Every structure is written in C-alpha cells, then in structure tokens.
Amino acid sequence: MLSPNLLLSIPELGLGATGSVRIPELQNVPTTARIRELIDHPAFQRLRRIRQLGPTHLVYPGATHTRFEHSLGVYACTILYMQSLLRNNAALRDSLAEEDVMAVLLAGLLHDLGHYPYAHSLEALHLKGRDTPKHENVGAEIIRGNIEHLRGELSIGELIRSRFGVDPERVIALSSGLGPRATQTDKVLRSVISSAIDADKMDYLERDSIHLGVPYGRNYDRERLLSSLTLNTKEDRVALLARGKVSAEIFIFGRYTMFSEAYWHHTVRSASAMLEAGLAAFHSRTELGVDEQLEILLRRSDDEFLDWLVENSPDPSAARYLIEALSGNRRQLYKRIATFSRVYQETTKQRAYERIYSMSSSEVYDLVDRLRARISGMVGWPLHPADIIIDTPPRDKDKLETVGIVYPDASGKKEYPLHELSRVIAGVQDDFMMVVKKIRIFAHPRVASALVGEEKLEKAILSEVLK
C-alpha cells in the first residue's frame, strides 16, 4: 500500500532528486543516483547515436534529436502522470506499492532501449515477410543482458533488480506489451506508457514539434490534461475527468496534424520509401540472420549504418542506388508522380487506392515492374530497376485511439468514449484513414522531371494498377 508519506519517500517521484538533465525545451529531468546509473549504462548511452525520426532530417533540418533525449523526456512525463494519478485517486494510492510505481517509471525511461538505426523501416520489412528484428524484442534482450557488448559490468536488468527491487521482466512487459494474464494494476500502468494520451505521446508530440519547427504537437493544455487524469470505471486503464475533454481533443487532433503535416509529409515519405526500398533490396540478396543483423545494427549510428550498406552493396544494385542518394553528402529525394487517397471522388482513383492497399509485397513489386516498363517508353530511355517506388501507409500502427471520459452522476460514475462525445475526434478518426493515409508513387528526380506535362501519365498508371 502506498501511503501519502511513502509517496513522498520515493525519491524519483517526490522530492528526492539529487540532480537533473537539461533537455529541450527549457526542461529539467530530475534524476537520482540510481537513475543516473541506468542513464550512464552503455546500453542507454547508445541511444545518443540513434535519431528519433530517422531520415526526416533530410526534410526538416532540425529533426536530428535522438532516442536518448526522447527517453529522458518520456521518463519525466511518466513522473508527472503518476504524480497526477496518485493525487486524483485515493483507491489507486491505497492499492499501489513502491515497486509498482518504480516499475512504470523504469518502463518509461527504457521503453525505446532496443531502438537501432532506422528501426521502423526495417520493421516494415518484417511485416512484409522479411526476418528483421523488432525493437521491443531487442530491448528485452538488452535488459536481460543477452547482448554481450551492451551488458556492461552489470546488465540493465541486474541494475533494475539490485538498485530498485523491481523484477526486470515486469519492466519489459510494461514497456513492450502485457500478456493475457496481466493484473489489473499492470494494465493501468501499461496504459500510462501506451494509450491514446500516454506519456510517450505527450513527450514526442512536443519534442518533435520543437525540433521540426512546427506548432502542431504543442497546442493542447498540458497542465489541464495532467490534472484531469483518472482511471476508467473498470479501474484498469487511464481515463480523463470531464474537465479534460477539450485538452484531450486538442491532444489527439495535434497528433493527427503531426502525421498529416510532418511525419507523413510527402517529402518525408519519399525519403522513408527510398530507405525502405533500399533495405528491401539489400535483404533480398543477403541471408543475414537476426543475430547477424543485430551485431551490425547495435554497433552503428544511423549514418554509420547507411555507409555500411553502401559499402556492402555492389555498384549497380538497387540498394546502393537508393541508399547513396540518402547518405554521405547527398540528398537526391524522389518526386511524386501519382497520389491516391480514399477521399478522391473519382471512382477509378478510389479503386486504385484499394487495389494497391490490398496488394501483397510480390504484387507491389510486379506493379512496379510494369510501371517502369510503361514509363520507360514515355521518357525514351531504359529505367534503372529502382527508379520507381511505391509508398503505402503502414497497416499495423499509427491509428488514432480514443480515451474514456468519466462523468460523475447520482449513481456514481459514467464513462463515455471520447469519439462518441466529440464530433472533432470522430471526424479526425475518419480523416486519418480517408485523407492522411495516402498512397504515392515516386520516381527518380530525372524521371519525374521528364514526365512533367505528360498528359497520358495518369491514365497509364491507372491502367497498370487496375489490371
């Protein structure tokens, strides 16, 4: 049981910080000696070399911030979340032990420990049948001490157990995903790290906005949102008191606009699609197992990994052709030659979207081959195998979730999903699928330039897509 006095006695949660780390923007992250042991561990320091937003810096030059900075920010937000939840909920205060609180704070700090160069692009290949590592699994193995060169004198897991009295496996579950037998307490704690309004999103929306130079993720009332945190009526998930409804609307709308205007900006998607296509081409001709891949990935920064790919790809290969355009002192981003969206009124364009969206990887490759042959005839020269690429939006993540809004009434409490109370959120959820998740066909700049003004291009592309 966590009494108010004990709440103050948890140094990470109360007044026991003995130091701080300064991060943008004008933020001090409070630290204790034992937290600094984790931060200074080689496995955590490695995150200084991994950019938070991958190739986005090629479009937004300020987007060079790292997983290290973000992880510190999430830790700070997790402290704020737990402080607010414990202030607002006597039942939660009475049910939690010190170990519970420390477990979720450590999960916030370590949730991205397994990230490696361009993890999301490689994980996209995993979804398409490639044997590539998932960063959640990598993080778990690092915590367990199973990645030898990142083990240190004591592994992260050994530090968690000896310095905090917490089971490392519980931290792994809270940061990566719970099993079917999770306790009600752990479901609550997991929702602090992963939900519609979690500490992870609270940090990255603001932090990414700062570094990208855009306002979209910073416009909600943060203090109002935090002060409104409570539990849902089942007491197994974070929810909001009614006074936090508008803050939640703006928070979720801010995430929508960040995807629309920044994360999935067409030029950012060009760089991401080029990278993914280059990685796919590299994997198609190699037989590296997951362990071999990790040995390469976990020892390199983003830029070092791209240089390694170029060095280990033969000169005429698609992998080298694409990766060289993104690495070193080069920036040769592909240009849009076609865009498809569910919002388009033309039936043929809607059908084209659904056709591409439902294609398997092999069907997409076949379509690229047909488009390349067709476009080669238009421009008058043979295209390189990597001159045309298709970018389809992810199917497994980045969906806009909802959150419960709790209203007191004469019989106790009533809870309603935010999207049922808010036409803003209902509309945003629809728009996310209809408008933001576009499919684009990109071409090498030389090819795209030659196609400017080509009246038959759209018809030719549609005919190949709808065959």
Protein backbone atom coordinates (compact mmCIF):
# COMPACT_ATOMS: atom_id res chain seq x y z
CA MET A 1 0.00 0.00 0.00
CA LEU A 2 1.34 3.41 -0.98
CA SER A 3 0.52 5.96 1.72
CA PRO A 4 0.91 9.70 1.10
CA ASN A 5 4.04 9.67 3.30
CA LEU A 6 5.52 6.79 1.33
CA LEU A 7 4.67 8.65 -1.87
CA LEU A 8 7.00 11.42 -0.76
CA SER A 9 9.62 8.86 0.21
CA ILE A 10 10.01 7.52 -3.35
CA PRO A 11 12.86 9.80 -4.42
CA GLU A 12 12.16 9.54 -8.16
CA LEU A 13 8.52 10.52 -7.66
CA GLY A 14 8.78 13.08 -4.89
CA LEU A 15 11.42 15.44 -3.64
CA GLY A 16 14.42 13.13 -3.65
CA ALA A 17 16.10 14.14 -6.91
CA THR A 18 19.79 14.86 -6.44
CA GLY A 19 20.49 16.04 -9.98
CA SER A 20 18.91 16.81 -13.31
CA VAL A 21 19.49 16.56 -17.04
CA ARG A 22 18.61 19.59 -19.17
CA ILE A 23 16.78 18.84 -22.40
CA PRO A 24 14.80 20.95 -24.90
CA GLU A 25 12.75 22.93 -24.44
CA LEU A 26 13.76 24.54 -21.14
CA GLN A 27 13.15 21.28 -19.28
CA ASN A 28 14.99 19.74 -16.35
CA VAL A 29 14.58 15.97 -15.99
CA PRO A 30 15.01 15.12 -12.28
CA THR A 31 17.40 12.26 -11.56
CA THR A 32 18.64 10.25 -8.60
CA ALA A 33 21.95 8.41 -8.25
CA ARG A 34 20.39 5.08 -9.18
CA ILE A 35 18.57 6.53 -12.20
CA ARG A 36 21.86 8.03 -13.35
CA GLU A 37 23.40 4.55 -13.19
CA LEU A 38 20.87 3.46 -15.81
CA ILE A 39 21.32 6.60 -17.92
CA ASP A 40 25.11 6.18 -17.90
CA HIS A 41 24.92 2.49 -18.82
CA PRO A 42 26.46 1.72 -22.26
CA ALA A 43 23.17 0.28 -23.49
CA PHE A 44 21.33 3.53 -22.74
CA GLN A 45 24.13 5.83 -23.90
CA ARG A 46 23.98 4.06 -27.28
CA LEU A 47 20.67 5.85 -27.89
CA ARG A 48 22.58 9.12 -28.33
CA ARG A 49 23.54 7.80 -31.79
CA ILE A 50 20.01 6.92 -32.94
CA ARG A 51 17.87 9.71 -34.38
CA GLN A 52 14.29 9.86 -33.19
CA LEU A 53 12.80 10.47 -36.65
CA GLY A 54 15.15 8.60 -38.97
CA PRO A 55 15.50 10.29 -42.37
CA THR A 56 13.13 13.16 -41.51
CA HIS A 57 16.12 15.49 -41.00
CA LEU A 58 16.60 15.44 -44.78
CA VAL A 59 13.36 17.45 -44.99
CA TYR A 60 13.25 19.21 -41.61
CA PRO A 61 16.91 20.02 -40.78
CA GLY A 62 16.23 20.41 -37.06
CA ALA A 63 14.97 16.84 -36.69
CA THR A 64 18.30 15.45 -35.50
CA HIS A 65 17.16 14.78 -31.93
CA THR A 66 17.75 11.31 -30.57
CA ARG A 67 16.09 8.39 -28.84
CA PHE A 68 18.26 9.29 -25.84
CA GLU A 69 16.65 12.73 -25.49
CA HIS A 70 13.17 11.33 -26.08
CA SER A 71 13.64 8.57 -23.49
CA LEU A 72 14.59 11.14 -20.86
CA GLY A 73 11.52 13.16 -21.82
CA VAL A 74 9.20 10.17 -21.51
CA TYR A 75 10.66 9.39 -18.09
CA ALA A 76 9.89 12.97 -16.99
CA CYS A 77 6.34 12.72 -18.37
CA THR A 78 5.81 9.37 -16.63
CA ILE A 79 6.71 11.02 -13.32
CA LEU A 80 4.09 13.72 -13.98
CA TYR A 81 1.48 11.13 -14.96
CA MET A 82 2.00 9.11 -11.79
CA GLN A 83 2.03 12.18 -9.56
CA SER A 84 -1.31 13.27 -11.01
CA LEU A 85 -2.93 9.83 -10.92
CA LEU A 86 -1.91 9.31 -7.31
CA ARG A 87 -3.17 12.76 -6.29
CA ASN A 88 -6.51 12.20 -8.01
CA ASN A 89 -7.22 8.61 -6.95
CA ALA A 90 -7.27 7.55 -3.31
CA ALA A 91 -8.08 3.97 -4.32
CA LEU A 92 -5.03 3.82 -6.56
CA ARG A 93 -2.85 5.30 -3.81
CA ASP A 94 -4.07 2.63 -1.44
CA SER A 95 -3.55 -0.23 -3.88
CA LEU A 96 -0.09 0.54 -5.27
CA ALA A 97 3.21 -0.49 -3.73
CA GLU A 98 6.53 1.28 -4.20
CA GLU A 99 7.60 -1.48 -6.61
CA ASP A 100 4.58 -0.73 -8.84
CA VAL A 101 5.47 2.94 -9.12
CA MET A 102 9.14 2.27 -9.82
CA ALA A 103 8.27 -0.36 -12.43
CA VAL A 104 6.29 2.11 -14.55
CA LEU A 105 8.88 4.88 -14.14
CA LEU A 106 11.59 2.49 -15.35
CA ALA A 107 9.37 1.36 -18.23
CA GLY A 108 9.03 5.00 -19.31
CA LEU A 109 12.79 5.50 -19.20
CA LEU A 110 13.64 2.25 -21.00
CA HIS A 111 10.74 1.86 -23.44
CA ASP A 112 12.93 2.63 -26.50
CA LEU A 113 16.09 0.86 -25.30
CA GLY A 114 16.02 -1.58 -28.23
CA HIS A 115 15.87 1.02 -30.99
CA TYR A 116 18.54 0.80 -33.66
CA PRO A 117 19.20 2.69 -36.92
CA TYR A 118 16.02 3.09 -38.96
CA ALA A 119 14.18 0.53 -36.83
CA HIS A 120 10.72 1.43 -38.14
CA SER A 121 11.80 0.99 -41.76
CA LEU A 122 13.31 -2.42 -41.02
CA GLU A 123 10.24 -3.41 -39.01
CA ALA A 124 8.10 -2.51 -42.03
CA LEU A 125 10.07 -5.19 -43.91
CA HIS A 126 9.28 -7.63 -41.09
CA LEU A 127 5.59 -7.12 -41.77
CA LYS A 128 6.24 -7.97 -45.41
CA GLY A 129 7.81 -11.30 -44.57
CA ARG A 130 11.46 -10.34 -44.03
CA ASP A 131 13.27 -11.71 -41.00
CA THR A 132 14.21 -8.42 -39.37
CA PRO A 133 14.39 -7.64 -35.63
CA LYS A 134 11.64 -5.86 -33.67
CA HIS A 135 12.94 -3.17 -31.36
CA GLU A 136 10.72 -4.31 -28.48
CA ASN A 137 12.32 -7.75 -28.56
CA VAL A 138 15.79 -6.22 -28.83
CA GLY A 139 15.12 -4.03 -25.80
CA ALA A 140 14.03 -7.06 -23.80
CA GLU A 141 17.24 -8.91 -24.68
CA ILE A 142 19.36 -5.88 -23.74
CA ILE A 143 17.63 -5.63 -20.35
CA ARG A 144 18.19 -9.36 -19.77
CA GLY A 145 21.89 -8.91 -20.53
CA ASN A 146 21.82 -11.15 -23.59
CA ILE A 147 23.57 -8.64 -25.91
CA GLU A 148 27.13 -9.15 -24.71
CA HIS A 149 28.78 -5.92 -25.88
CA LEU A 150 25.99 -3.86 -24.27
CA ARG A 151 25.96 -5.75 -21.00
CA GLY A 152 28.37 -3.57 -19.02
CA GLU A 153 29.68 -4.58 -15.59
CA LEU A 154 26.08 -5.18 -14.57
CA SER A 155 23.29 -5.62 -17.08
CA ILE A 156 20.35 -3.22 -17.13
CA GLY A 157 18.22 -5.99 -15.63
CA GLU A 158 20.68 -6.59 -12.81
CA LEU A 159 20.67 -2.87 -12.00
CA ILE A 160 16.86 -2.82 -12.01
CA ARG A 161 16.72 -5.73 -9.57
CA SER A 162 19.57 -4.67 -7.26
CA ARG A 163 19.04 -0.88 -7.18
CA PHE A 164 15.24 -0.68 -7.38
CA GLY A 165 13.96 -4.05 -6.13
CA VAL A 166 11.88 -4.48 -9.29
CA ASP A 167 11.56 -7.57 -11.47
CA PRO A 168 13.15 -6.73 -14.86
CA GLU A 169 10.59 -8.91 -16.65
CA ARG A 170 7.84 -6.68 -15.34
CA VAL A 171 9.58 -3.60 -16.72
CA ILE A 172 9.87 -5.39 -20.08
CA ALA A 173 6.14 -6.20 -20.06
CA LEU A 174 5.12 -2.66 -19.12
CA SER A 175 7.29 -1.12 -21.82
CA SER A 176 6.67 -3.66 -24.60
CA GLY A 177 3.25 -5.21 -24.05
CA LEU A 178 1.41 -7.28 -21.46
CA GLY A 179 0.50 -10.93 -21.66
CA PRO A 180 -3.07 -12.29 -21.40
CA ARG A 181 -2.77 -12.88 -17.64
CA ALA A 182 -1.74 -9.33 -16.75
CA THR A 183 -3.01 -7.99 -13.45
CA GLN A 184 -5.38 -5.06 -13.23
CA THR A 185 -2.58 -2.97 -11.73
CA ASP A 186 -0.25 -3.69 -14.63
CA LYS A 187 -3.00 -2.85 -17.14
CA VAL A 188 -3.29 0.58 -15.53
CA LEU A 189 0.48 1.08 -15.53
CA ARG A 190 0.82 -0.10 -19.13
CA SER A 191 -1.77 2.49 -20.22
CA VAL A 192 0.48 5.22 -18.78
CA ILE A 193 3.11 4.12 -21.33
CA SER A 194 0.80 3.11 -24.20
CA SER A 195 -2.68 4.57 -24.75
CA ALA A 196 -4.35 7.42 -26.60
CA ILE A 197 -2.94 10.01 -24.19
CA ASP A 198 0.16 8.27 -22.84
CA ALA A 199 3.44 9.71 -21.55
CA ASP A 200 5.26 8.56 -24.70
CA LYS A 201 2.97 10.58 -26.98
CA MET A 202 2.98 13.54 -24.62
CA ASP A 203 6.74 13.77 -24.98
CA TYR A 204 7.22 13.02 -28.66
CA LEU A 205 4.46 15.32 -29.89
CA GLU A 206 6.01 18.30 -28.13
CA ARG A 207 9.64 17.28 -28.66
CA ASP A 208 9.20 16.51 -32.36
CA SER A 209 7.34 19.80 -32.83
CA ILE A 210 10.24 21.70 -31.23
CA HIS A 211 12.86 20.08 -33.44
CA LEU A 212 10.79 20.07 -36.63
CA GLY A 213 9.93 23.72 -36.17
CA VAL A 214 6.15 23.21 -36.29
CA PRO A 215 3.46 24.11 -33.72
CA TYR A 216 1.04 21.21 -34.16
CA GLY A 217 2.02 18.98 -31.23
CA ARG A 218 2.26 21.77 -28.67
CA ASN A 219 -1.13 23.47 -28.74
CA TYR A 220 -3.04 21.48 -26.11
CA ASP A 221 -3.34 22.45 -22.42
CA ARG A 222 -0.79 20.10 -20.90
CA GLU A 223 -1.44 21.05 -17.27
CA ARG A 224 -5.20 20.65 -17.70
CA LEU A 225 -4.72 17.23 -19.27
CA LEU A 226 -2.41 16.04 -16.48
CA SER A 227 -4.66 17.36 -13.72
CA SER A 228 -7.63 15.52 -15.27
CA LEU A 229 -6.02 12.06 -15.28
CA THR A 230 -8.03 9.36 -13.54
CA LEU A 231 -8.98 5.70 -14.01
CA ASN A 232 -11.80 4.34 -16.14
CA THR A 233 -14.84 2.80 -14.48
CA LYS A 234 -13.29 -0.69 -14.72
CA GLU A 235 -10.21 0.71 -12.99
CA ASP A 236 -7.87 -1.00 -15.46
CA ARG A 237 -6.88 1.90 -17.72
CA VAL A 238 -6.08 5.60 -17.66
CA ALA A 239 -9.03 7.87 -18.43
CA LEU A 240 -9.85 11.56 -18.02
CA LEU A 241 -12.23 13.52 -15.86
CA ALA A 242 -14.78 15.53 -17.82
CA ARG A 243 -12.83 18.75 -17.37
CA GLY A 244 -10.04 17.28 -19.51
CA LYS A 245 -12.23 16.62 -22.55
CA VAL A 246 -11.16 19.65 -24.60
CA SER A 247 -7.49 19.14 -23.77
CA ALA A 248 -7.77 15.54 -24.96
CA GLU A 249 -9.49 16.65 -28.18
CA ILE A 250 -6.67 19.07 -28.96
CA PHE A 251 -4.03 16.48 -27.98
CA ILE A 252 -5.43 13.85 -30.35
CA PHE A 253 -6.06 16.43 -33.08
CA GLY A 254 -2.44 17.55 -32.64
CA ARG A 255 -1.25 14.01 -33.26
CA TYR A 256 -3.40 13.87 -36.38
CA THR A 257 -1.90 17.10 -37.71
CA MET A 258 1.63 15.91 -36.93
CA PHE A 259 1.04 12.89 -39.15
CA SER A 260 -0.66 14.94 -41.83
CA GLU A 261 1.82 17.80 -41.98
CA ALA A 262 5.09 16.33 -40.67
CA TYR A 263 5.52 12.58 -40.17
CA TRP A 264 3.74 11.73 -43.43
CA HIS A 265 4.60 14.91 -45.34
CA HIS A 266 5.10 13.80 -48.93
CA THR A 267 8.83 14.57 -48.98
CA VAL A 268 9.37 12.77 -45.67
CA ARG A 269 7.52 9.79 -47.11
CA SER A 270 9.76 9.96 -50.19
CA ALA A 271 12.88 9.62 -48.03
CA SER A 272 11.27 6.87 -45.95
CA ALA A 273 10.10 4.96 -49.03
CA MET A 274 13.55 5.19 -50.62
CA LEU A 275 15.14 3.89 -47.44
CA GLU A 276 12.67 1.03 -47.09
CA ALA A 277 13.06 0.06 -50.75
CA GLY A 278 16.85 0.16 -50.42
CA LEU A 279 16.74 -2.01 -47.30
CA ALA A 280 14.36 -4.45 -49.01
CA ALA A 281 16.70 -4.70 -51.99
CA PHE A 282 19.65 -5.35 -49.69
CA HIS A 283 17.79 -8.04 -47.75
CA SER A 284 16.62 -9.74 -50.95
CA ARG A 285 20.17 -10.68 -51.86
CA THR A 286 21.59 -11.43 -48.40
CA GLU A 287 20.96 -14.19 -45.90
CA LEU A 288 21.78 -12.40 -42.68
CA GLY A 289 20.03 -13.87 -39.66
CA VAL A 290 18.55 -11.69 -36.92
CA ASP A 291 21.62 -12.14 -34.69
CA GLU A 292 23.96 -11.07 -37.50
CA GLN A 293 21.76 -8.08 -38.25
CA LEU A 294 21.79 -7.03 -34.60
CA GLU A 295 25.57 -7.24 -34.44
CA ILE A 296 25.69 -4.78 -37.35
CA LEU A 297 22.86 -2.51 -36.18
CA LEU A 298 23.65 -2.20 -32.48
CA ARG A 299 27.26 -1.16 -33.10
CA ARG A 300 26.42 1.66 -35.55
CA SER A 301 24.79 5.06 -35.64
CA ASP A 302 22.24 5.95 -38.31
CA ASP A 303 24.88 7.42 -40.62
CA GLU A 304 27.38 4.63 -40.00
CA PHE A 305 24.73 2.07 -40.89
CA LEU A 306 23.94 3.78 -44.20
CA ASP A 307 27.64 3.93 -45.02
CA TRP A 308 27.92 0.22 -44.20
CA LEU A 309 25.01 -0.57 -46.54
CA VAL A 310 26.62 1.35 -49.39
CA GLU A 311 29.99 -0.33 -48.84
CA ASN A 312 28.39 -3.77 -48.80
CA SER A 313 26.18 -3.30 -51.86
CA PRO A 314 27.56 -3.76 -55.40
CA ASP A 315 27.64 -0.65 -57.58
CA PRO A 316 24.74 -1.41 -59.95
CA SER A 317 22.44 -2.73 -57.20
CA ALA A 318 19.12 -1.12 -56.27
CA ALA A 319 20.22 -0.96 -52.63
CA ARG A 320 23.29 1.11 -53.41
CA TYR A 321 21.41 3.26 -55.94
CA LEU A 322 18.82 4.26 -53.34
CA ILE A 323 20.92 4.43 -50.17
CA GLU A 324 23.66 6.52 -51.80
CA ALA A 325 21.03 9.15 -52.60
CA LEU A 326 20.33 9.49 -48.84
CA SER A 327 23.82 9.21 -47.38
CA GLY A 328 27.14 10.99 -47.24
CA ASN A 329 26.83 14.49 -48.63
CA ARG A 330 23.98 13.63 -50.97
CA ARG A 331 20.28 14.42 -50.84
CA GLN A 332 18.56 13.26 -54.01
CA LEU A 333 14.96 12.64 -52.98
CA TYR A 334 12.44 11.06 -55.32
CA LYS A 335 9.47 13.09 -56.60
CA ARG A 336 5.76 12.29 -56.65
CA ILE A 337 4.31 11.24 -59.96
CA ALA A 338 0.97 9.95 -58.61
CA THR A 339 -1.03 10.17 -55.37
CA PHE A 340 -4.05 8.09 -54.36
CA SER A 341 -6.39 8.74 -51.45
CA ARG A 342 -9.72 7.36 -50.29
CA VAL A 343 -11.03 10.92 -50.24
CA TYR A 344 -10.83 11.34 -54.03
CA GLN A 345 -14.23 11.45 -55.69
CA GLU A 346 -13.22 9.69 -58.91
CA THR A 347 -14.25 6.03 -58.74
CA THR A 348 -11.19 4.85 -60.65
CA LYS A 349 -8.84 6.56 -58.20
CA GLN A 350 -10.67 5.09 -55.22
CA ARG A 351 -10.45 1.65 -56.81
CA ALA A 352 -6.75 2.19 -57.49
CA TYR A 353 -6.16 3.05 -53.83
CA GLU A 354 -7.96 -0.05 -52.58
CA ARG A 355 -6.23 -2.23 -55.15
CA ILE A 356 -2.73 -1.12 -54.13
CA TYR A 357 -3.57 -1.12 -50.41
CA SER A 358 -4.66 -4.76 -50.58
CA MET A 359 -1.67 -5.96 -52.64
CA SER A 360 0.88 -8.39 -51.29
CA SER A 361 4.56 -7.46 -51.44
CA SER A 362 5.07 -9.57 -54.56
CA GLU A 363 2.10 -7.91 -56.27
CA VAL A 364 3.52 -4.46 -55.49
CA TYR A 365 6.88 -5.50 -56.98
CA ASP A 366 5.09 -6.75 -60.12
CA LEU A 367 3.23 -3.44 -60.40
CA VAL A 368 6.50 -1.50 -60.08
CA ASP A 369 7.99 -3.59 -62.91
CA ARG A 370 5.00 -2.85 -65.15
CA LEU A 371 5.07 0.86 -64.34
CA ARG A 372 8.79 1.03 -65.01
CA ALA A 373 8.34 -0.55 -68.44
CA ARG A 374 5.43 1.76 -69.28
CA ILE A 375 7.20 4.91 -68.10
CA SER A 376 10.42 3.93 -69.84
CA GLY A 377 8.52 4.13 -73.11
CA MET A 378 7.27 7.60 -72.22
CA VAL A 379 10.65 9.12 -71.31
CA GLY A 380 12.55 7.36 -74.08
CA TRP A 381 15.28 5.56 -72.13
CA PRO A 382 15.52 2.36 -70.04
CA LEU A 383 14.91 2.99 -66.36
CA HIS A 384 17.05 1.67 -63.54
CA PRO A 385 15.23 -1.06 -61.53
CA ALA A 386 15.00 1.35 -58.58
CA ASP A 387 13.79 4.43 -60.49
CA ILE A 388 10.13 3.84 -59.49
CA ILE A 389 8.94 3.06 -55.95
CA ILE A 390 5.50 2.81 -54.35
CA ASP A 391 4.84 4.03 -50.81
CA THR A 392 1.89 2.51 -48.98
CA PRO A 393 0.89 3.65 -45.46
CA PRO A 394 1.53 1.30 -42.52
CA ARG A 395 -1.34 -1.02 -41.67
CA ASP A 396 -0.28 -2.12 -38.19
CA LYS A 397 0.10 1.13 -36.26
CA ASP A 398 -0.43 4.87 -36.11
CA LYS A 399 -4.18 4.54 -35.74
CA LEU A 400 -5.82 7.29 -33.72
CA GLU A 401 -7.14 5.80 -30.50
CA THR A 402 -9.80 7.16 -28.18
CA VAL A 403 -9.89 7.66 -24.41
CA GLY A 404 -12.60 7.31 -21.79
CA ILE A 405 -14.14 10.47 -20.33
CA VAL A 406 -15.52 9.98 -16.82
CA TYR A 407 -18.53 11.97 -15.60
CA PRO A 408 -19.82 11.76 -12.02
CA ASP A 409 -23.56 11.34 -11.58
CA ALA A 410 -26.03 10.49 -8.82
CA SER A 411 -25.38 6.75 -9.15
CA GLY A 412 -21.60 7.02 -9.15
CA LYS A 413 -19.64 7.42 -12.39
CA LYS A 414 -20.41 7.20 -16.07
CA GLU A 415 -17.76 6.74 -18.75
CA TYR A 416 -18.05 7.56 -22.44
CA PRO A 417 -15.51 7.09 -25.25
CA LEU A 418 -14.26 10.49 -26.36
CA HIS A 419 -15.12 9.84 -30.01
CA GLU A 420 -18.79 9.42 -29.02
CA LEU A 421 -18.79 12.77 -27.24
CA SER A 422 -16.74 14.70 -29.77
CA ARG A 423 -17.50 15.25 -33.44
CA VAL A 424 -13.94 16.56 -33.69
CA ILE A 425 -12.43 13.20 -32.70
CA ALA A 426 -14.94 11.18 -34.71
CA GLY A 427 -14.09 13.29 -37.76
CA VAL A 428 -10.36 13.08 -37.15
CA GLN A 429 -10.51 9.28 -36.95
CA ASP A 430 -12.32 9.17 -40.29
CA ASP A 431 -9.99 11.71 -41.88
CA PHE A 432 -6.94 9.79 -40.70
CA MET A 433 -7.99 6.86 -42.86
CA MET A 434 -9.59 8.87 -45.66
CA VAL A 435 -7.16 11.76 -46.08
CA VAL A 436 -3.84 11.28 -44.27
CA LYS A 437 -3.07 7.69 -45.28
CA LYS A 438 -2.17 8.34 -48.89
CA ILE A 439 -0.51 6.02 -51.38
CA ARG A 440 2.16 7.66 -53.50
CA ILE A 441 4.22 6.61 -56.49
CA PHE A 442 7.66 8.21 -56.53
CA ALA A 443 10.23 8.47 -59.31
CA HIS A 444 13.89 9.39 -59.52
CA PRO A 445 14.15 13.19 -59.99
CA ARG A 446 15.49 12.77 -63.53
CA VAL A 447 12.50 10.61 -64.47
CA ALA A 448 9.97 12.83 -62.71
CA SER A 449 11.35 15.89 -64.50
CA ALA A 450 10.97 14.17 -67.87
CA LEU A 451 7.33 13.34 -67.06
CA VAL A 452 6.27 16.92 -66.29
CA GLY A 453 3.38 17.81 -68.61
CA GLU A 454 2.92 14.21 -69.79
CA GLU A 455 -0.84 14.09 -70.32
CA LYS A 456 -1.03 10.30 -70.63
CA LEU A 457 0.81 9.57 -67.37
CA GLU A 458 -2.20 9.35 -65.04
CA LYS A 459 -4.16 7.17 -67.43
CA ALA A 460 -1.16 4.88 -67.95
CA ILE A 461 -0.62 4.47 -64.21
CA LEU A 462 -4.30 3.77 -63.53
CA SER A 463 -4.45 1.18 -66.30
CA GLU A 464 -1.50 -0.72 -64.81
CA VAL A 465 -2.84 -0.52 -61.26
CA LEU A 466 -6.32 -1.73 -62.22
CA LYS A 467 -5.23 -4.59 -64.49
